[in-house]
Amino acid sequence: MVNVLLFAQFQEAAGRETVEIEAAGQSVAHVKSVLKENYNLQDLDQAMTSINEEYVDMDTILNDGDTVAFIPPVSGG
């Protein structure tokens, strides 16, 4: 099981802070696709992604017990 952390607008859209997904052996892209389909998080393509607090790309393979975070872009002025 992989634990997914959602922040800011992703958390608001999903209505929860965390999601658990059976994704060991799958890529980050797979998790992103599941979240888009199940929680309508279409803006995930703009997010930075980390696994266990290390930034990764979409091809990174997940292990059981990993924590994935989708970090939304920050804007300011």
Foldseek 3Di string as FASTA:
>chain_A
DEKEAEDDPLCVQQVHGIDDDPFAFHWQLVVVVVCCVPRVPVVLVQWFKDKPPHTDDRGDGDHPPIYMYTHHDDDDD
